[in-house]
Structure formats: C-alpha cells, structure tokens
Amino acid sequence: MSKYETTHKKIIDAAITSFNQKTEKEITVTDIIKLAQIHHSTFYRHFNSFDDLIREMFESTMPDENLEQYSFSDSINILVKFVEDNFVFFRNLLKNRGKFDIIFRYFFSKKYF
C-alpha cells in the first residue's frame, strides 16, 4: 500500500471513528484531522470537501455483499439490519450532515438497485 493510500485510509478510518462516537456535537474536518494526526492541507489533497469524505466513508462502511443477487425486499432487509447494527454511526451521520439524504439516494440508486 502506498503512502497516499495509507493516509487516505487513515482519514476515512478517523471519520468512521468520529461518527461512531456517542456525541451530540457536530463533527468537523478539524475533529477528523486531529484524530488522523494530519494537516488540513493533507485532508484536502485527498478529498475536495467534507461531503466527498462522507460519501467515501459511507461507501466503505456498507455491506460487502452484492445486493443485486437478492430480491428488492431482501436487499432492503439486509440494509435495514446493517443500519440497525451501526445505529450510532448513522444517527450521527444523519444528525450532522444535512446532505446525507442526497448521498443516500445517489449511492443506493447507483450501487444497489
């Protein structure tokens, strides 16, 4: 794994950790760079915006299964179970990012259905 890939993963992991914490405060780029122990400029070399990070973070947390092999209702059940199992992550994601619904619709329409 290259240094770039290692740092990229480190940022995503820090974001996931931040969103998995039981906190009521809004999660910011500053919170994530502190946790990842990187500089602001490093963050923006990897992501154009915080929403880009969220999109990638969301994608990296999704089930590895290919849901296209299941019926629509089975796919929904798998996704609902996944959200239930990762409730804190999704609660904080929904609470802290107003554009989550756009990411959610885009991601599921392109990848799963």
PDB file of N, CA and C in Angstrom:
ATOM      1  N   MET A   1       0.847  -1.167   0.000  1.00  0.00           N
ATOM      2  CA  MET A   1       0.000   0.000   0.000  1.00  0.00           C
ATOM      3  C   MET A   1       0.900   1.241   0.000  1.00  0.00           C
ATOM      4  N   SER A   2       0.619   2.179  -0.888  1.00  0.00           N
ATOM      5  CA  SER A   2       1.427   3.402  -0.985  1.00  0.00           C
ATOM      6  C   SER A   2       1.152   4.324   0.207  1.00  0.00           C
ATOM      7  N   LYS A   3       2.010   5.304   0.384  1.00  0.00           N
ATOM      8  CA  LYS A   3       1.833   6.275   1.462  1.00  0.00           C
ATOM      9  C   LYS A   3       0.511   7.026   1.268  1.00  0.00           C
ATOM     10  N   TYR A   4       0.200   7.377   0.024  1.00  0.00           N
ATOM     11  CA  TYR A   4      -1.051   8.069  -0.277  1.00  0.00           C
ATOM     12  C   TYR A   4      -2.246   7.213   0.152  1.00  0.00           C
ATOM     13  N   GLU A   5      -2.233   5.938  -0.227  1.00  0.00           N
ATOM     14  CA  GLU A   5      -3.334   5.035   0.116  1.00  0.00           C
ATOM     15  C   GLU A   5      -3.450   4.842   1.628  1.00  0.00           C
ATOM     16  N   THR A   6      -2.318   4.748   2.296  1.00  0.00           N
ATOM     17  CA  THR A   6      -2.307   4.589   3.748  1.00  0.00           C
ATOM     18  C   THR A   6      -2.929   5.815   4.423  1.00  0.00           C
ATOM     19  N   THR A   7      -2.533   7.002   3.977  1.00  0.00           N
ATOM     20  CA  THR A   7      -3.073   8.236   4.545  1.00  0.00           C
ATOM     21  C   THR A   7      -4.561   8.360   4.233  1.00  0.00           C
ATOM     22  N   HIS A   8      -4.955   8.018   3.028  1.00  0.00           N
ATOM     23  CA  HIS A   8      -6.355   8.081   2.617  1.00  0.00           C
ATOM     24  C   HIS A   8      -7.204   7.196   3.537  1.00  0.00           C
ATOM     25  N   LYS A   9      -6.748   5.987   3.768  1.00  0.00           N
ATOM     26  CA  LYS A   9      -7.452   5.058   4.647  1.00  0.00           C
ATOM     27  C   LYS A   9      -7.470   5.581   6.077  1.00  0.00           C
ATOM     28  N   LYS A  10      -6.385   6.171   6.509  1.00  0.00           N
ATOM     29  CA  LYS A  10      -6.292   6.734   7.849  1.00  0.00           C
ATOM     30  C   LYS A  10      -7.353   7.831   8.052  1.00  0.00           C
ATOM     31  N   ILE A  11      -7.558   8.658   7.044  1.00  0.00           N
ATOM     32  CA  ILE A  11      -8.562   9.721   7.119  1.00  0.00           C
ATOM     33  C   ILE A  11      -9.965   9.123   7.197  1.00  0.00           C
ATOM     34  N   ILE A  12     -10.238   8.152   6.343  1.00  0.00           N
ATOM     35  CA  ILE A  12     -11.558   7.507   6.354  1.00  0.00           C
ATOM     36  C   ILE A  12     -11.800   6.815   7.690  1.00  0.00           C
ATOM     37  N   ASP A  13     -10.804   6.107   8.198  1.00  0.00           N
ATOM     38  CA  ASP A  13     -10.938   5.435   9.492  1.00  0.00           C
ATOM     39  C   ASP A  13     -11.188   6.436  10.619  1.00  0.00           C
ATOM     40  N   ALA A  14     -10.509   7.578  10.579  1.00  0.00           N
ATOM     41  CA  ALA A  14     -10.719   8.619  11.592  1.00  0.00           C
ATOM     42  C   ALA A  14     -12.143   9.166  11.507  1.00  0.00           C
ATOM     43  N   ALA A  15     -12.646   9.332  10.299  1.00  0.00           N
ATOM     44  CA  ALA A  15     -14.016   9.820  10.119  1.00  0.00           C
ATOM     45  C   ALA A  15     -15.017   8.803  10.657  1.00  0.00           C
ATOM     46  N   ILE A  16     -14.809   7.545  10.343  1.00  0.00           N
ATOM     47  CA  ILE A  16     -15.706   6.490  10.838  1.00  0.00           C
ATOM     48  C   ILE A  16     -15.683   6.457  12.364  1.00  0.00           C
ATOM     49  N   THR A  17     -14.497   6.544  12.942  1.00  0.00           N
ATOM     50  CA  THR A  17     -14.373   6.575  14.400  1.00  0.00           C
ATOM     51  C   THR A  17     -15.128   7.765  14.968  1.00  0.00           C
ATOM     52  N   SER A  18     -14.968   8.927  14.361  1.00  0.00           N
ATOM     53  CA  SER A  18     -15.669  10.131  14.824  1.00  0.00           C
ATOM     54  C   SER A  18     -17.176   9.942  14.791  1.00  0.00           C
ATOM     55  N   PHE A  19     -17.672   9.379  13.708  1.00  0.00           N
ATOM     56  CA  PHE A  19     -19.118   9.197  13.567  1.00  0.00           C
ATOM     57  C   PHE A  19     -19.647   8.046  14.406  1.00  0.00           C
ATOM     58  N   ASN A  20     -18.794   7.170  14.875  1.00  0.00           N
ATOM     59  CA  ASN A  20     -19.215   6.082  15.750  1.00  0.00           C
ATOM     60  C   ASN A  20     -19.215   6.474  17.220  1.00  0.00           C
ATOM     61  N   GLN A  21     -18.643   7.629  17.531  1.00  0.00           N
ATOM     62  CA  GLN A  21     -18.627   8.079  18.919  1.00  0.00           C
ATOM     63  C   GLN A  21     -20.004   8.592  19.301  1.00  0.00           C
ATOM     64  N   LYS A  22     -20.356   8.339  20.532  1.00  0.00           N
ATOM     65  CA  LYS A  22     -21.649   8.823  21.027  1.00  0.00           C
ATOM     66  C   LYS A  22     -21.484  10.277  21.438  1.00  0.00           C
ATOM     67  N   THR A  23     -21.759  11.154  20.500  1.00  0.00           N
ATOM     68  CA  THR A  23     -21.593  12.580  20.765  1.00  0.00           C
ATOM     69  C   THR A  23     -22.729  13.357  20.138  1.00  0.00           C
ATOM     70  N   GLU A  24     -23.058  14.455  20.724  1.00  0.00           N
ATOM     71  CA  GLU A  24     -24.115  15.305  20.192  1.00  0.00           C
ATOM     72  C   GLU A  24     -23.560  16.445  19.349  1.00  0.00           C
ATOM     73  N   LYS A  25     -22.238  16.665  19.422  1.00  0.00           N
ATOM     74  CA  LYS A  25     -21.666  17.806  18.706  1.00  0.00           C
ATOM     75  C   LYS A  25     -21.503  17.502  17.220  1.00  0.00           C
ATOM     76  N   GLU A  26     -21.447  18.550  16.445  1.00  0.00           N
ATOM     77  CA  GLU A  26     -21.227  18.373  15.012  1.00  0.00           C
ATOM     78  C   GLU A  26     -19.779  17.972  14.772  1.00  0.00           C
ATOM     79  N   ILE A  27     -19.593  17.010  13.933  1.00  0.00           N
ATOM     80  CA  ILE A  27     -18.259  16.518  13.602  1.00  0.00           C
ATOM     81  C   ILE A  27     -17.721  17.354  12.446  1.00  0.00           C
ATOM     82  N   THR A  28     -16.481  17.812  12.592  1.00  0.00           N
ATOM     83  CA  THR A  28     -15.892  18.715  11.607  1.00  0.00           C
ATOM     84  C   THR A  28     -14.622  18.122  11.015  1.00  0.00           C
ATOM     85  N   VAL A  29     -14.137  18.766   9.966  1.00  0.00           N
ATOM     86  CA  VAL A  29     -12.856  18.377   9.373  1.00  0.00           C
ATOM     87  C   VAL A  29     -11.762  18.474  10.430  1.00  0.00           C
ATOM     88  N   THR A  30     -11.817  19.495  11.255  1.00  0.00           N
ATOM     89  CA  THR A  30     -10.800  19.672  12.297  1.00  0.00           C
ATOM     90  C   THR A  30     -10.790  18.478  13.252  1.00  0.00           C
ATOM     91  N   ASP A  31     -11.959  17.991  13.639  1.00  0.00           N
ATOM     92  CA  ASP A  31     -12.030  16.808  14.509  1.00  0.00           C
ATOM     93  C   ASP A  31     -11.344  15.612  13.845  1.00  0.00           C
ATOM     94  N   ILE A  32     -11.606  15.442  12.568  1.00  0.00           N
ATOM     95  CA  ILE A  32     -11.079  14.281  11.851  1.00  0.00           C
ATOM     96  C   ILE A  32      -9.571  14.394  11.641  1.00  0.00           C
ATOM     97  N   ILE A  33      -9.088  15.574  11.296  1.00  0.00           N
ATOM     98  CA  ILE A  33      -7.639  15.693  11.073  1.00  0.00           C
ATOM     99  C   ILE A  33      -6.865  15.533  12.376  1.00  0.00           C
ATOM    100  N   LYS A  34      -7.462  15.978  13.488  1.00  0.00           N
ATOM    101  CA  LYS A  34      -6.805  15.761  14.787  1.00  0.00           C
ATOM    102  C   LYS A  34      -6.714  14.273  15.090  1.00  0.00           C
ATOM    103  N   LEU A  35      -7.796  13.561  14.874  1.00  0.00           N
ATOM    104  CA  LEU A  35      -7.811  12.125  15.134  1.00  0.00           C
ATOM    105  C   LEU A  35      -6.864  11.375  14.196  1.00  0.00           C
ATOM    106  N   ALA A  36      -6.809  11.804  12.925  1.00  0.00           N
ATOM    107  CA  ALA A  36      -5.936  11.152  11.940  1.00  0.00           C
ATOM    108  C   ALA A  36      -4.484  11.620  12.066  1.00  0.00           C
ATOM    109  N   GLN A  37      -4.277  12.683  12.834  1.00  0.00           N
ATOM    110  CA  GLN A  37      -2.953  13.277  13.029  1.00  0.00           C
ATOM    111  C   GLN A  37      -2.317  13.693  11.700  1.00  0.00           C
ATOM    112  N   ILE A  38      -3.108  14.491  10.965  1.00  0.00           N
ATOM    113  CA  ILE A  38      -2.651  15.029   9.681  1.00  0.00           C
ATOM    114  C   ILE A  38      -2.899  16.532   9.662  1.00  0.00           C
ATOM    115  N   HIS A  39      -2.434  17.193   8.634  1.00  0.00           N
ATOM    116  CA  HIS A  39      -2.616  18.628   8.450  1.00  0.00           C
ATOM    117  C   HIS A  39      -3.839  18.870   7.564  1.00  0.00           C
ATOM    118  N   HIS A  40      -4.422  20.076   7.685  1.00  0.00           N
ATOM    119  CA  HIS A  40      -5.568  20.430   6.839  1.00  0.00           C
ATOM    120  C   HIS A  40      -5.258  20.221   5.356  1.00  0.00           C
ATOM    121  N   SER A  41      -4.075  20.643   4.929  1.00  0.00           N
ATOM    122  CA  SER A  41      -3.736  20.530   3.504  1.00  0.00           C
ATOM    123  C   SER A  41      -3.699  19.068   3.059  1.00  0.00           C
ATOM    124  N   THR A  42      -3.288  18.181   3.952  1.00  0.00           N
ATOM    125  CA  THR A  42      -3.277  16.749   3.621  1.00  0.00           C
ATOM    126  C   THR A  42      -4.702  16.255   3.399  1.00  0.00           C
ATOM    127  N   PHE A  43      -5.603  16.686   4.268  1.00  0.00           N
ATOM    128  CA  PHE A  43      -7.008  16.297   4.105  1.00  0.00           C
ATOM    129  C   PHE A  43      -7.510  16.702   2.719  1.00  0.00           C
ATOM    130  N   TYR A  44      -7.226  17.951   2.332  1.00  0.00           N
ATOM    131  CA  TYR A  44      -7.755  18.453   1.065  1.00  0.00           C
ATOM    132  C   TYR A  44      -6.982  17.930  -0.152  1.00  0.00           C
ATOM    133  N   ARG A  45      -5.856  17.306   0.046  1.00  0.00           N
ATOM    134  CA  ARG A  45      -5.208  16.587  -1.052  1.00  0.00           C
ATOM    135  C   ARG A  45      -5.951  15.286  -1.352  1.00  0.00           C
ATOM    136  N   HIS A  46      -6.631  14.781  -0.367  1.00  0.00           N
ATOM    137  CA  HIS A  46      -7.344  13.511  -0.507  1.00  0.00           C
ATOM    138  C   HIS A  46      -8.829  13.686  -0.817  1.00  0.00           C
ATOM    139  N   PHE A  47      -9.413  14.764  -0.336  1.00  0.00           N
ATOM    140  CA  PHE A  47     -10.849  14.995  -0.509  1.00  0.00           C
ATOM    141  C   PHE A  47     -11.088  16.456  -0.862  1.00  0.00           C
ATOM    142  N   ASN A  48     -11.943  16.694  -1.850  1.00  0.00           N
ATOM    143  CA  ASN A  48     -12.266  18.070  -2.247  1.00  0.00           C
ATOM    144  C   ASN A  48     -13.128  18.766  -1.208  1.00  0.00           C
ATOM    145  N   SER A  49     -13.918  17.985  -0.476  1.00  0.00           N
ATOM    146  CA  SER A  49     -14.820  18.566   0.515  1.00  0.00           C
ATOM    147  C   SER A  49     -15.125  17.530   1.589  1.00  0.00           C
ATOM    148  N   PHE A  50     -15.743  18.000   2.649  1.00  0.00           N
ATOM    149  CA  PHE A  50     -16.172  17.112   3.723  1.00  0.00           C
ATOM    150  C   PHE A  50     -17.230  16.148   3.198  1.00  0.00           C
ATOM    151  N   ASP A  51     -18.093  16.620   2.307  1.00  0.00           N
ATOM    152  CA  ASP A  51     -19.116  15.748   1.730  1.00  0.00           C
ATOM    153  C   ASP A  51     -18.501  14.624   0.898  1.00  0.00           C
ATOM    154  N   ASP A  52     -17.397  14.890   0.214  1.00  0.00           N
ATOM    155  CA  ASP A  52     -16.697  13.827  -0.518  1.00  0.00           C
ATOM    156  C   ASP A  52     -16.190  12.751   0.444  1.00  0.00           C
ATOM    157  N   LEU A  53     -15.663  13.189   1.582  1.00  0.00           N
ATOM    158  CA  LEU A  53     -15.214  12.238   2.600  1.00  0.00           C
ATOM    159  C   LEU A  53     -16.390  11.415   3.105  1.00  0.00           C
ATOM    160  N   ILE A  54     -17.495  12.055   3.379  1.00  0.00           N
ATOM    161  CA  ILE A  54     -18.668  11.336   3.885  1.00  0.00           C
ATOM    162  C   ILE A  54     -19.150  10.311   2.871  1.00  0.00           C
ATOM    163  N   ARG A  55     -19.168  10.698   1.611  1.00  0.00           N
ATOM    164  CA  ARG A  55     -19.589   9.773   0.554  1.00  0.00           C
ATOM    165  C   ARG A  55     -18.693   8.527   0.555  1.00  0.00           C
ATOM    166  N   GLU A  56     -17.390   8.737   0.633  1.00  0.00           N
ATOM    167  CA  GLU A  56     -16.448   7.611   0.628  1.00  0.00           C
ATOM    168  C   GLU A  56     -16.507   6.817   1.922  1.00  0.00           C
ATOM    169  N   MET A  57     -16.661   7.509   3.027  1.00  0.00           N
ATOM    170  CA  MET A  57     -16.781   6.849   4.316  1.00  0.00           C
ATOM    171  C   MET A  57     -18.027   5.969   4.333  1.00  0.00           C
ATOM    172  N   PHE A  58     -19.112   6.512   3.850  1.00  0.00           N
ATOM    173  CA  PHE A  58     -20.366   5.769   3.778  1.00  0.00           C
ATOM    174  C   PHE A  58     -20.204   4.526   2.912  1.00  0.00           C
ATOM    175  N   GLU A  59     -19.578   4.703   1.757  1.00  0.00           N
ATOM    176  CA  GLU A  59     -19.368   3.572   0.851  1.00  0.00           C
ATOM    177  C   GLU A  59     -18.487   2.496   1.497  1.00  0.00           C
ATOM    178  N   SER A  60     -17.484   2.911   2.239  1.00  0.00           N
ATOM    179  CA  SER A  60     -16.574   1.929   2.838  1.00  0.00           C
ATOM    180  C   SER A  60     -17.209   1.167   3.993  1.00  0.00           C
ATOM    181  N   THR A  61     -18.295   1.688   4.556  1.00  0.00           N
ATOM    182  CA  THR A  61     -18.950   1.004   5.669  1.00  0.00           C
ATOM    183  C   THR A  61     -20.077   0.082   5.226  1.00  0.00           C
ATOM    184  N   MET A  62     -20.458   0.156   3.978  1.00  0.00           N
ATOM    185  CA  MET A  62     -21.585  -0.646   3.502  1.00  0.00           C
ATOM    186  C   MET A  62     -21.229  -2.128   3.462  1.00  0.00           C
ATOM    187  N   PRO A  63     -22.258  -2.979   3.547  1.00  0.00           N
ATOM    188  CA  PRO A  63     -22.005  -4.427   3.500  1.00  0.00           C
ATOM    189  C   PRO A  63     -21.266  -4.801   2.216  1.00  0.00           C
ATOM    190  N   ASP A  64     -20.383  -5.779   2.327  1.00  0.00           N
ATOM    191  CA  ASP A  64     -19.607  -6.211   1.166  1.00  0.00           C
ATOM    192  C   ASP A  64     -20.424  -7.054   0.189  1.00  0.00           C
ATOM    193  N   GLU A  65     -21.549  -7.520   0.653  1.00  0.00           N
ATOM    194  CA  GLU A  65     -22.362  -8.381  -0.193  1.00  0.00           C
ATOM    195  C   GLU A  65     -22.825  -7.646  -1.445  1.00  0.00           C
ATOM    196  N   ASN A  66     -22.954  -8.394  -2.526  1.00  0.00           N
ATOM    197  CA  ASN A  66     -23.529  -7.849  -3.747  1.00  0.00           C
ATOM    198  C   ASN A  66     -25.044  -7.982  -3.631  1.00  0.00           C
ATOM    199  N   LEU A  67     -25.706  -6.898  -3.298  1.00  0.00           N
ATOM    200  CA  LEU A  67     -27.141  -6.956  -3.046  1.00  0.00           C
ATOM    201  C   LEU A  67     -27.956  -7.181  -4.311  1.00  0.00           C
ATOM    202  N   GLU A  68     -27.321  -7.031  -5.464  1.00  0.00           N
ATOM    203  CA  GLU A  68     -28.042  -7.256  -6.716  1.00  0.00           C
ATOM    204  C   GLU A  68     -28.488  -8.707  -6.858  1.00  0.00           C
ATOM    205  N   GLN A  69     -27.846  -9.607  -6.126  1.00  0.00           N
ATOM    206  CA  GLN A  69     -28.204 -11.019  -6.214  1.00  0.00           C
ATOM    207  C   GLN A  69     -29.482 -11.337  -5.424  1.00  0.00           C
ATOM    208  N   TYR A  70     -29.934 -10.398  -4.599  1.00  0.00           N
ATOM    209  CA  TYR A  70     -31.117 -10.610  -3.774  1.00  0.00           C
ATOM    210  C   TYR A  70     -32.322  -9.895  -4.362  1.00  0.00           C
ATOM    211  N   SER A  71     -33.490 -10.313  -3.921  1.00  0.00           N
ATOM    212  CA  SER A  71     -34.702  -9.598  -4.323  1.00  0.00           C
ATOM    213  C   SER A  71     -34.672  -8.216  -3.685  1.00  0.00           C
ATOM    214  N   PHE A  72     -35.509  -7.351  -4.181  1.00  0.00           N
ATOM    215  CA  PHE A  72     -35.560  -5.990  -3.653  1.00  0.00           C
ATOM    216  C   PHE A  72     -35.856  -6.004  -2.151  1.00  0.00           C
ATOM    217  N   SER A  73     -36.853  -6.773  -1.729  1.00  0.00           N
ATOM    218  CA  SER A  73     -37.217  -6.794  -0.308  1.00  0.00           C
ATOM    219  C   SER A  73     -36.103  -7.382   0.549  1.00  0.00           C
ATOM    220  N   ASP A  74     -35.400  -8.406   0.060  1.00  0.00           N
ATOM    221  CA  ASP A  74     -34.272  -8.962   0.808  1.00  0.00           C
ATOM    222  C   ASP A  74     -33.129  -7.944   0.907  1.00  0.00           C
ATOM    223  N   SER A  75     -32.902  -7.200  -0.161  1.00  0.00           N
ATOM    224  CA  SER A  75     -31.869  -6.162  -0.142  1.00  0.00           C
ATOM    225  C   SER A  75     -32.191  -5.103   0.898  1.00  0.00           C
ATOM    226  N   ILE A  76     -33.446  -4.695   0.947  1.00  0.00           N
ATOM    227  CA  ILE A  76     -33.873  -3.703   1.935  1.00  0.00           C
ATOM    228  C   ILE A  76     -33.671  -4.254   3.342  1.00  0.00           C
ATOM    229  N   ASN A  77     -34.037  -5.517   3.558  1.00  0.00           N
ATOM    230  CA  ASN A  77     -33.868  -6.120   4.884  1.00  0.00           C
ATOM    231  C   ASN A  77     -32.397  -6.161   5.297  1.00  0.00           C
ATOM    232  N   ILE A  78     -31.515  -6.481   4.377  1.00  0.00           N
ATOM    233  CA  ILE A  78     -30.072  -6.504   4.670  1.00  0.00           C
ATOM    234  C   ILE A  78     -29.596  -5.106   5.047  1.00  0.00           C
ATOM    235  N   LEU A  79     -30.029  -4.106   4.289  1.00  0.00           N
ATOM    236  CA  LEU A  79     -29.614  -2.728   4.565  1.00  0.00           C
ATOM    237  C   LEU A  79     -30.187  -2.213   5.880  1.00  0.00           C
ATOM    238  N   VAL A  80     -31.428  -2.543   6.171  1.00  0.00           N
ATOM    239  CA  VAL A  80     -32.031  -2.124   7.438  1.00  0.00           C
ATOM    240  C   VAL A  80     -31.288  -2.759   8.600  1.00  0.00           C
ATOM    241  N   LYS A  81     -30.966  -4.030   8.493  1.00  0.00           N
ATOM    242  CA  LYS A  81     -30.191  -4.711   9.546  1.00  0.00           C
ATOM    243  C   LYS A  81     -28.832  -4.048   9.718  1.00  0.00           C
ATOM    244  N   PHE A  82     -28.198  -3.691   8.612  1.00  0.00           N
ATOM    245  CA  PHE A  82     -26.898  -3.027   8.664  1.00  0.00           C
ATOM    246  C   PHE A  82     -27.006  -1.684   9.393  1.00  0.00           C
ATOM    247  N   VAL A  83     -28.044  -0.910   9.078  1.00  0.00           N
ATOM    248  CA  VAL A  83     -28.236   0.384   9.743  1.00  0.00           C
ATOM    249  C   VAL A  83     -28.504   0.164  11.230  1.00  0.00           C
ATOM    250  N   GLU A  84     -29.325  -0.828  11.571  1.00  0.00           N
ATOM    251  CA  GLU A  84     -29.586  -1.125  12.984  1.00  0.00           C
ATOM    252  C   GLU A  84     -28.300  -1.504  13.718  1.00  0.00           C
ATOM    253  N   ASP A  85     -27.459  -2.296  13.081  1.00  0.00           N
ATOM    254  CA  ASP A  85     -26.201  -2.741  13.697  1.00  0.00           C
ATOM    255  C   ASP A  85     -25.197  -1.603  13.855  1.00  0.00           C
ATOM    256  N   ASN A  86     -25.363  -0.554  13.069  1.00  0.00           N
ATOM    257  CA  ASN A  86     -24.460   0.596  13.093  1.00  0.00           C
ATOM    258  C   ASN A  86     -25.233   1.873  13.428  1.00  0.00           C
ATOM    259  N   PHE A  87     -26.135   1.750  14.381  1.00  0.00           N
ATOM    260  CA  PHE A  87     -27.068   2.822  14.691  1.00  0.00           C
ATOM    261  C   PHE A  87     -26.384   4.137  15.072  1.00  0.00           C
ATOM    262  N   VAL A  88     -25.384   4.092  15.939  1.00  0.00           N
ATOM    263  CA  VAL A  88     -24.718   5.318  16.390  1.00  0.00           C
ATOM    264  C   VAL A  88     -24.085   6.043  15.209  1.00  0.00           C
ATOM    265  N   PHE A  89     -23.395   5.285  14.364  1.00  0.00           N
ATOM    266  CA  PHE A  89     -22.773   5.858  13.165  1.00  0.00           C
ATOM    267  C   PHE A  89     -23.813   6.586  12.320  1.00  0.00           C
ATOM    268  N   PHE A  90     -24.915   5.917  12.000  1.00  0.00           N
ATOM    269  CA  PHE A  90     -25.924   6.516  11.137  1.00  0.00           C
ATOM    270  C   PHE A  90     -26.673   7.653  11.831  1.00  0.00           C
ATOM    271  N   ARG A  91     -26.916   7.526  13.136  1.00  0.00           N
ATOM    272  CA  ARG A  91     -27.571   8.607  13.861  1.00  0.00           C
ATOM    273  C   ARG A  91     -26.732   9.879  13.783  1.00  0.00           C
ATOM    274  N   ASN A  92     -25.436   9.736  14.037  1.00  0.00           N
ATOM    275  CA  ASN A  92     -24.563  10.915  13.982  1.00  0.00           C
ATOM    276  C   ASN A  92     -24.418  11.440  12.566  1.00  0.00           C
ATOM    277  N   LEU A  93     -24.384  10.548  11.600  1.00  0.00           N
ATOM    278  CA  LEU A  93     -24.292  10.974  10.208  1.00  0.00           C
ATOM    279  C   LEU A  93     -25.536  11.763   9.817  1.00  0.00           C
ATOM    280  N   LEU A  94     -26.696  11.259  10.181  1.00  0.00           N
ATOM    281  CA  LEU A  94     -27.944  11.960   9.870  1.00  0.00           C
ATOM    282  C   LEU A  94     -28.050  13.282  10.607  1.00  0.00           C
ATOM    283  N   LYS A  95     -27.596  13.298  11.842  1.00  0.00           N
ATOM    284  CA  LYS A  95     -27.699  14.486  12.672  1.00  0.00           C
ATOM    285  C   LYS A  95     -26.746  15.590  12.229  1.00  0.00           C
ATOM    286  N   ASN A  96     -25.590  15.202  11.750  1.00  0.00           N
ATOM    287  CA  ASN A  96     -24.527  16.166  11.494  1.00  0.00           C
ATOM    288  C   ASN A  96     -24.397  16.610  10.048  1.00  0.00           C
ATOM    289  N   ARG A  97     -24.991  15.940   9.122  1.00  0.00           N
ATOM    290  CA  ARG A  97     -24.824  16.306   7.722  1.00  0.00           C
ATOM    291  C   ARG A  97     -26.165  16.385   7.022  1.00  0.00           C
ATOM    292  N   GLY A  98     -26.566  17.586   6.656  1.00  0.00           N
ATOM    293  CA  GLY A  98     -27.848  17.799   6.000  1.00  0.00           C
ATOM    294  C   GLY A  98     -27.946  17.181   4.621  1.00  0.00           C
ATOM    295  N   LYS A  99     -26.811  16.946   3.967  1.00  0.00           N
ATOM    296  CA  LYS A  99     -26.852  16.413   2.606  1.00  0.00           C
ATOM    297  C   LYS A  99     -26.850  14.889   2.570  1.00  0.00           C
ATOM    298  N   PHE A 100     -26.996  14.266   3.731  1.00  0.00           N
ATOM    299  CA  PHE A 100     -26.950  12.808   3.780  1.00  0.00           C
ATOM    300  C   PHE A 100     -28.001  12.175   2.879  1.00  0.00           C
ATOM    301  N   ASP A 101     -29.201  12.754   2.834  1.00  0.00           N
ATOM    302  CA  ASP A 101     -30.257  12.171   2.020  1.00  0.00           C
ATOM    303  C   ASP A 101     -29.873  12.118   0.545  1.00  0.00           C
ATOM    304  N   ILE A 102     -29.145  13.116   0.072  1.00  0.00           N
ATOM    305  CA  ILE A 102     -28.687  13.127  -1.324  1.00  0.00           C
ATOM    306  C   ILE A 102     -27.663  12.015  -1.553  1.00  0.00           C
ATOM    307  N   ILE A 103     -26.716  11.890  -0.629  1.00  0.00           N
ATOM    308  CA  ILE A 103     -25.704  10.832  -0.720  1.00  0.00           C
ATOM    309  C   ILE A 103     -26.377   9.477  -0.686  1.00  0.00           C
ATOM    310  N   PHE A 104     -27.329   9.296   0.223  1.00  0.00           N
ATOM    311  CA  PHE A 104     -28.040   8.033   0.389  1.00  0.00           C
ATOM    312  C   PHE A 104     -28.759   7.646  -0.908  1.00  0.00           C
ATOM    313  N   ARG A 105     -29.527   8.579  -1.456  1.00  0.00           N
ATOM    314  CA  ARG A 105     -30.268   8.287  -2.694  1.00  0.00           C
ATOM    315  C   ARG A 105     -29.329   7.995  -3.853  1.00  0.00           C
ATOM    316  N   TYR A 106     -28.298   8.799  -4.003  1.00  0.00           N
ATOM    317  CA  TYR A 106     -27.346   8.597  -5.094  1.00  0.00           C
ATOM    318  C   TYR A 106     -26.661   7.242  -4.972  1.00  0.00           C
ATOM    319  N   PHE A 107     -26.171   6.957  -3.789  1.00  0.00           N
ATOM    320  CA  PHE A 107     -25.402   5.733  -3.589  1.00  0.00           C
ATOM    321  C   PHE A 107     -26.244   4.495  -3.841  1.00  0.00           C
ATOM    322  N   PHE A 108     -27.442   4.445  -3.269  1.00  0.00           N
ATOM    323  CA  PHE A 108     -28.277   3.252  -3.431  1.00  0.00           C
ATOM    324  C   PHE A 108     -28.828   3.133  -4.826  1.00  0.00           C
ATOM    325  N   SER A 109     -29.136   4.225  -5.480  1.00  0.00           N
ATOM    326  CA  SER A 109     -29.656   4.123  -6.837  1.00  0.00           C
ATOM    327  C   SER A 109     -28.594   3.632  -7.809  1.00  0.00           C
ATOM    328  N   LYS A 110     -27.343   3.982  -7.558  1.00  0.00           N
ATOM    329  CA  LYS A 110     -26.253   3.581  -8.455  1.00  0.00           C
ATOM    330  C   LYS A 110     -25.688   2.200  -8.126  1.00  0.00           C
ATOM    331  N   LYS A 111     -25.577   1.888  -6.844  1.00  0.00           N
ATOM    332  CA  LYS A 111     -24.831   0.708  -6.466  1.00  0.00           C
ATOM    333  C   LYS A 111     -25.693  -0.522  -6.183  1.00  0.00           C
ATOM    334  N   TYR A 112     -26.860  -0.320  -5.605  1.00  0.00           N
ATOM    335  CA  TYR A 112     -27.606  -1.473  -5.112  1.00  0.00           C
ATOM    336  C   TYR A 112     -28.892  -1.793  -5.849  1.00  0.00           C
ATOM    337  N   PHE A 113     -29.497  -0.793  -6.519  1.00  0.00           N
ATOM    338  CA  PHE A 113     -30.796  -1.072  -7.126  1.00  0.00           C
ATOM    339  C   PHE A 113     -30.804  -0.716  -8.591  1.00  0.00           C
TER     340      PHE A 113
END
